[in-house]
């Protein structure tokens, strides 16, 4: 009986340390933990995202589920942006707000593909990606399409995209084996 009580106290202490670490990490990122910790897109006005879309988004690798910040330079920050700063280049403004989301925020410039299972990307801070998937026909937003297999005809989009490759075409829990 004594051992289970000590183990329960140990687990409770561990949980308290994890929660305290989470709050300290959030505060270090200038995150307002009192209001709107998780912003929900409401179509504008108070409580909406600090940006509608973002081409140069960064993700904090240490935060789960996902902590995102937009590095796009704009003429004027959105009214939903809480921390707007002059761009280091001096030609506009950057919103320094972070948002929590399971998914990457939407991009402003459309990707050359709608989805991609086999993305090939550089390891740069903001990667340059190519999609090596073969399709029955190229996506409508692809500018450079190549026939890679004649029977049955399969095509590959040769366009590159400056940013993350986007969603996968096949859900990760669905097997694509031919068994």
C-alpha atoms as a PDB file:
ATOM      1  CA  UNK A   1       0.000   0.000   0.000  1.00  0.00           C
ATOM      2  CA  UNK A   2       2.855   2.352   0.845  1.00  0.00           C
ATOM      3  CA  UNK A   3       4.594   1.800  -2.527  1.00  0.00           C
ATOM      4  CA  UNK A   4       1.538   2.717  -4.621  1.00  0.00           C
ATOM      5  CA  UNK A   5       1.059   5.925  -2.620  1.00  0.00           C
ATOM      6  CA  UNK A   6       4.692   6.924  -3.180  1.00  0.00           C
ATOM      7  CA  UNK A   7       4.443   6.075  -6.879  1.00  0.00           C
ATOM      8  CA  UNK A   8       1.230   8.119  -7.207  1.00  0.00           C
ATOM      9  CA  UNK A   9       2.933  11.089  -5.532  1.00  0.00           C
ATOM     10  CA  UNK A  10       5.880  10.733  -7.909  1.00  0.00           C
ATOM     11  CA  UNK A  11       3.601  10.731 -10.946  1.00  0.00           C
ATOM     12  CA  UNK A  12       1.737  13.767  -9.634  1.00  0.00           C
ATOM     13  CA  UNK A  13       5.033  15.613  -9.145  1.00  0.00           C
ATOM     14  CA  UNK A  14       6.143  14.673 -12.673  1.00  0.00           C
ATOM     15  CA  UNK A  15       2.848  15.971 -14.123  1.00  0.00           C
ATOM     16  CA  UNK A  16       3.270  19.263 -12.229  1.00  0.00           C
ATOM     17  CA  UNK A  17       6.809  19.668 -13.631  1.00  0.00           C
ATOM     18  CA  UNK A  18       5.604  19.026 -17.189  1.00  0.00           C
ATOM     19  CA  UNK A  19       2.776  21.571 -16.846  1.00  0.00           C
ATOM     20  CA  UNK A  20       5.155  24.162 -15.356  1.00  0.00           C
ATOM     21  CA  UNK A  21       7.622  23.556 -18.207  1.00  0.00           C
ATOM     22  CA  UNK A  22       4.855  24.037 -20.771  1.00  0.00           C
ATOM     23  CA  UNK A  23       3.835  27.362 -19.236  1.00  0.00           C
ATOM     24  CA  UNK A  24       7.465  28.531 -19.072  1.00  0.00           C
ATOM     25  CA  UNK A  25       8.039  27.582 -22.729  1.00  0.00           C
ATOM     26  CA  UNK A  26       4.888  29.403 -23.805  1.00  0.00           C
ATOM     27  CA  UNK A  27       5.872  32.519 -21.863  1.00  0.00           C
ATOM     28  CA  UNK A  28       9.349  32.489 -23.397  1.00  0.00           C
ATOM     29  CA  UNK A  29       7.733  32.682 -26.820  1.00  0.00           C
ATOM     30  CA  UNK A  30       5.704  35.791 -25.872  1.00  0.00           C
ATOM     31  CA  UNK A  31       2.511  33.768 -25.940  1.00  0.00           C
ATOM     32  CA  UNK A  32      -0.415  35.261 -24.068  1.00  0.00           C
ATOM     33  CA  UNK A  33      -1.608  32.337 -21.975  1.00  0.00           C
ATOM     34  CA  UNK A  34      -4.470  34.314 -20.392  1.00  0.00           C
ATOM     35  CA  UNK A  35      -6.488  34.947 -23.557  1.00  0.00           C
ATOM     36  CA  UNK A  36      -6.766  33.236 -26.929  1.00  0.00           C
ATOM     37  CA  UNK A  37      -4.020  30.676 -26.351  1.00  0.00           C
ATOM     38  CA  UNK A  38      -5.339  28.791 -29.345  1.00  0.00           C
ATOM     39  CA  UNK A  39      -6.610  31.163 -31.990  1.00  0.00           C
ATOM     40  CA  UNK A  40      -9.560  30.006 -34.069  1.00  0.00           C
ATOM     41  CA  UNK A  41     -10.185  31.487 -37.515  1.00  0.00           C
ATOM     42  CA  UNK A  42     -13.377  33.483 -37.352  1.00  0.00           C
ATOM     43  CA  UNK A  43     -13.232  35.303 -40.668  1.00  0.00           C
ATOM     44  CA  UNK A  44     -11.757  38.528 -39.257  1.00  0.00           C
ATOM     45  CA  UNK A  45     -12.223  40.805 -36.289  1.00  0.00           C
ATOM     46  CA  UNK A  46     -11.055  40.036 -32.765  1.00  0.00           C
ATOM     47  CA  UNK A  47     -10.082  36.419 -32.158  1.00  0.00           C
ATOM     48  CA  UNK A  48      -9.224  35.592 -35.804  1.00  0.00           C
ATOM     49  CA  UNK A  49      -5.877  34.510 -37.146  1.00  0.00           C
ATOM     50  CA  UNK A  50      -3.204  37.188 -37.327  1.00  0.00           C
ATOM     51  CA  UNK A  51      -2.930  36.355 -41.067  1.00  0.00           C
ATOM     52  CA  UNK A  52      -5.260  34.783 -43.635  1.00  0.00           C
ATOM     53  CA  UNK A  53      -2.490  32.908 -45.444  1.00  0.00           C
ATOM     54  CA  UNK A  54       1.307  32.717 -45.302  1.00  0.00           C
ATOM     55  CA  UNK A  55       3.984  31.807 -47.851  1.00  0.00           C
ATOM     56  CA  UNK A  56       6.964  31.844 -45.463  1.00  0.00           C
ATOM     57  CA  UNK A  57       5.700  30.056 -42.362  1.00  0.00           C
ATOM     58  CA  UNK A  58       8.034  28.677 -39.696  1.00  0.00           C
ATOM     59  CA  UNK A  59       7.249  25.974 -37.159  1.00  0.00           C
ATOM     60  CA  UNK A  60       8.732  25.675 -33.698  1.00  0.00           C
ATOM     61  CA  UNK A  61      10.207  22.137 -33.735  1.00  0.00           C
ATOM     62  CA  UNK A  62      10.069  21.826 -29.939  1.00  0.00           C
ATOM     63  CA  UNK A  63       6.345  22.501 -29.541  1.00  0.00           C
ATOM     64  CA  UNK A  64       3.629  19.913 -30.148  1.00  0.00           C
ATOM     65  CA  UNK A  65       1.002  19.844 -31.718  1.00  0.00           C
ATOM     66  CA  UNK A  66       2.351  22.768 -33.778  1.00  0.00           C
ATOM     67  CA  UNK A  67       3.386  26.364 -33.105  1.00  0.00           C
ATOM     68  CA  UNK A  68       3.498  28.484 -36.281  1.00  0.00           C
ATOM     69  CA  UNK A  69       4.715  31.998 -37.122  1.00  0.00           C
ATOM     70  CA  UNK A  70       4.367  33.806 -40.464  1.00  0.00           C
ATOM     71  CA  UNK A  71       7.463  35.564 -41.806  1.00  0.00           C
ATOM     72  CA  UNK A  72       5.705  37.250 -44.780  1.00  0.00           C
ATOM     73  CA  UNK A  73       6.512  40.959 -45.187  1.00  0.00           C
ATOM     74  CA  UNK A  74       3.300  42.964 -45.635  1.00  0.00           C
ATOM     75  CA  UNK A  75       2.424  46.649 -46.105  1.00  0.00           C
ATOM     76  CA  UNK A  76       0.239  46.662 -42.991  1.00  0.00           C
ATOM     77  CA  UNK A  77      -0.331  44.044 -40.290  1.00  0.00           C
ATOM     78  CA  UNK A  78      -3.796  42.558 -39.828  1.00  0.00           C
ATOM     79  CA  UNK A  79      -5.943  44.034 -37.032  1.00  0.00           C
ATOM     80  CA  UNK A  80      -5.756  40.559 -35.438  1.00  0.00           C
ATOM     81  CA  UNK A  81      -1.955  40.780 -35.135  1.00  0.00           C
ATOM     82  CA  UNK A  82      -0.946  41.535 -31.554  1.00  0.00           C
ATOM     83  CA  UNK A  83       2.781  42.041 -32.138  1.00  0.00           C
ATOM     84  CA  UNK A  84       3.594  43.832 -35.402  1.00  0.00           C
ATOM     85  CA  UNK A  85       7.218  44.799 -36.074  1.00  0.00           C
ATOM     86  CA  UNK A  86       9.060  46.560 -38.873  1.00  0.00           C
ATOM     87  CA  UNK A  87      10.693  44.116 -41.273  1.00  0.00           C
ATOM     88  CA  UNK A  88      14.481  43.806 -40.811  1.00  0.00           C
ATOM     89  CA  UNK A  89      14.756  44.555 -44.556  1.00  0.00           C
ATOM     90  CA  UNK A  90      12.923  47.826 -43.928  1.00  0.00           C
ATOM     91  CA  UNK A  91      10.291  47.416 -46.626  1.00  0.00           C
ATOM     92  CA  UNK A  92       7.170  46.565 -44.614  1.00  0.00           C
ATOM     93  CA  UNK A  93       5.981  44.775 -41.485  1.00  0.00           C
ATOM     94  CA  UNK A  94       5.995  41.254 -40.047  1.00  0.00           C
ATOM     95  CA  UNK A  95       3.465  39.881 -37.568  1.00  0.00           C
ATOM     96  CA  UNK A  96       5.377  38.147 -34.762  1.00  0.00           C
ATOM     97  CA  UNK A  97       2.324  36.312 -33.340  1.00  0.00           C
ATOM     98  CA  UNK A  98       2.489  32.538 -32.902  1.00  0.00           C
ATOM     99  CA  UNK A  99      -0.554  30.310 -33.453  1.00  0.00           C
ATOM    100  CA  UNK A 100      -1.190  26.758 -32.259  1.00  0.00           C
ATOM    101  CA  UNK A 101      -2.532  24.388 -34.888  1.00  0.00           C
ATOM    102  CA  UNK A 102      -2.297  20.724 -35.834  1.00  0.00           C
ATOM    103  CA  UNK A 103      -2.098  21.765 -39.496  1.00  0.00           C
ATOM    104  CA  UNK A 104       0.210  24.137 -41.333  1.00  0.00           C
ATOM    105  CA  UNK A 105      -1.519  27.480 -42.005  1.00  0.00           C
ATOM    106  CA  UNK A 106      -2.776  27.927 -45.587  1.00  0.00           C
ATOM    107  CA  UNK A 107      -0.328  29.303 -48.155  1.00  0.00           C
ATOM    108  CA  UNK A 108      -1.052  32.409 -50.231  1.00  0.00           C
ATOM    109  CA  UNK A 109       0.726  31.189 -53.363  1.00  0.00           C
ATOM    110  CA  UNK A 110      -0.850  27.880 -54.395  1.00  0.00           C
ATOM    111  CA  UNK A 111       1.371  24.818 -54.599  1.00  0.00           C
ATOM    112  CA  UNK A 112       1.803  23.258 -58.046  1.00  0.00           C
ATOM    113  CA  UNK A 113       0.065  20.153 -56.653  1.00  0.00           C
ATOM    114  CA  UNK A 114      -2.972  19.651 -54.451  1.00  0.00           C
ATOM    115  CA  UNK A 115      -1.353  16.873 -52.412  1.00  0.00           C
ATOM    116  CA  UNK A 116       1.895  14.888 -52.483  1.00  0.00           C
ATOM    117  CA  UNK A 117       2.893  11.525 -50.997  1.00  0.00           C
ATOM    118  CA  UNK A 118       6.523  11.553 -52.163  1.00  0.00           C
ATOM    119  CA  UNK A 119       7.918  15.034 -51.558  1.00  0.00           C
ATOM    120  CA  UNK A 120      11.593  15.745 -52.138  1.00  0.00           C
ATOM    121  CA  UNK A 121      12.738  18.877 -50.292  1.00  0.00           C
ATOM    122  CA  UNK A 122      15.956  20.691 -49.518  1.00  0.00           C
ATOM    123  CA  UNK A 123      16.937  20.868 -45.856  1.00  0.00           C
ATOM    124  CA  UNK A 124      16.909  24.666 -45.831  1.00  0.00           C
ATOM    125  CA  UNK A 125      15.105  26.648 -43.143  1.00  0.00           C
ATOM    126  CA  UNK A 126      12.334  27.268 -45.685  1.00  0.00           C
ATOM    127  CA  UNK A 127      12.699  24.290 -48.046  1.00  0.00           C
ATOM    128  CA  UNK A 128      12.365  24.097 -51.805  1.00  0.00           C
ATOM    129  CA  UNK A 129      10.179  21.074 -52.579  1.00  0.00           C
ATOM    130  CA  UNK A 130       9.371  18.924 -55.582  1.00  0.00           C
ATOM    131  CA  UNK A 131       6.662  16.262 -55.762  1.00  0.00           C
ATOM    132  CA  UNK A 132       7.820  12.919 -57.214  1.00  0.00           C
ATOM    133  CA  UNK A 133       4.295  11.407 -57.290  1.00  0.00           C
ATOM    134  CA  UNK A 134       3.037  10.017 -60.600  1.00  0.00           C
ATOM    135  CA  UNK A 135      -0.510  10.956 -61.611  1.00  0.00           C
ATOM    136  CA  UNK A 136      -2.928   9.925 -64.373  1.00  0.00           C
ATOM    137  CA  UNK A 137      -2.803  13.618 -65.361  1.00  0.00           C
ATOM    138  CA  UNK A 138      -0.976  16.596 -63.920  1.00  0.00           C
ATOM    139  CA  UNK A 139      -2.800  18.910 -61.522  1.00  0.00           C
ATOM    140  CA  UNK A 140      -4.332  21.977 -63.157  1.00  0.00           C
ATOM    141  CA  UNK A 141      -1.987  24.336 -61.276  1.00  0.00           C
ATOM    142  CA  UNK A 142       1.153  22.524 -62.562  1.00  0.00           C
ATOM    143  CA  UNK A 143       3.082  24.533 -65.179  1.00  0.00           C
ATOM    144  CA  UNK A 144       5.735  21.947 -66.164  1.00  0.00           C
ATOM    145  CA  UNK A 145       4.270  18.464 -66.692  1.00  0.00           C
ATOM    146  CA  UNK A 146       6.255  15.445 -67.945  1.00  0.00           C
ATOM    147  CA  UNK A 147       5.142  12.024 -69.191  1.00  0.00           C
ATOM    148  CA  UNK A 148       7.173   9.474 -67.171  1.00  0.00           C
ATOM    149  CA  UNK A 149       5.382   6.227 -68.043  1.00  0.00           C
ATOM    150  CA  UNK A 150       3.611   5.337 -71.304  1.00  0.00           C
ATOM    151  CA  UNK A 151       1.379   2.365 -70.428  1.00  0.00           C
ATOM    152  CA  UNK A 152      -0.700   3.278 -68.496  1.00  0.00           C
ATOM    153  CA  UNK A 153       0.190   6.942 -68.989  1.00  0.00           C
ATOM    154  CA  UNK A 154       1.592   8.531 -65.825  1.00  0.00           C
ATOM    155  CA  UNK A 155       2.718  12.123 -65.421  1.00  0.00           C
ATOM    156  CA  UNK A 156       4.850  14.009 -62.935  1.00  0.00           C
ATOM    157  CA  UNK A 157       4.777  17.713 -62.140  1.00  0.00           C
ATOM    158  CA  UNK A 158       8.311  19.110 -62.377  1.00  0.00           C
ATOM    159  CA  UNK A 159       7.481  22.459 -60.740  1.00  0.00           C
ATOM    160  CA  UNK A 160       9.227  23.400 -57.506  1.00  0.00           C
ATOM    161  CA  UNK A 161       7.645  25.104 -54.516  1.00  0.00           C
ATOM    162  CA  UNK A 162       9.337  27.414 -52.020  1.00  0.00           C
ATOM    163  CA  UNK A 163       7.891  26.156 -48.732  1.00  0.00           C
ATOM    164  CA  UNK A 164       6.555  22.958 -47.176  1.00  0.00           C
ATOM    165  CA  UNK A 165       5.084  20.351 -49.559  1.00  0.00           C
ATOM    166  CA  UNK A 166       1.592  20.368 -48.057  1.00  0.00           C
ATOM    167  CA  UNK A 167      -0.804  17.526 -47.284  1.00  0.00           C
ATOM    168  CA  UNK A 168      -0.321  13.916 -48.325  1.00  0.00           C
ATOM    169  CA  UNK A 169      -2.677  12.386 -50.905  1.00  0.00           C
ATOM    170  CA  UNK A 170      -2.949   9.093 -49.021  1.00  0.00           C
ATOM    171  CA  UNK A 171      -3.807   9.079 -45.335  1.00  0.00           C
ATOM    172  CA  UNK A 172      -0.868   7.628 -43.335  1.00  0.00           C
ATOM    173  CA  UNK A 173      -2.996   4.865 -41.825  1.00  0.00           C
ATOM    174  CA  UNK A 174      -4.086   3.521 -45.247  1.00  0.00           C
ATOM    175  CA  UNK A 175      -1.844   0.826 -46.658  1.00  0.00           C
ATOM    176  CA  UNK A 176      -0.842   1.179 -50.303  1.00  0.00           C
ATOM    177  CA  UNK A 177       0.648  -2.312 -50.625  1.00  0.00           C
ATOM    178  CA  UNK A 178      -0.580  -4.647 -53.365  1.00  0.00           C
ATOM    179  CA  UNK A 179      -1.110  -7.662 -51.065  1.00  0.00           C
END
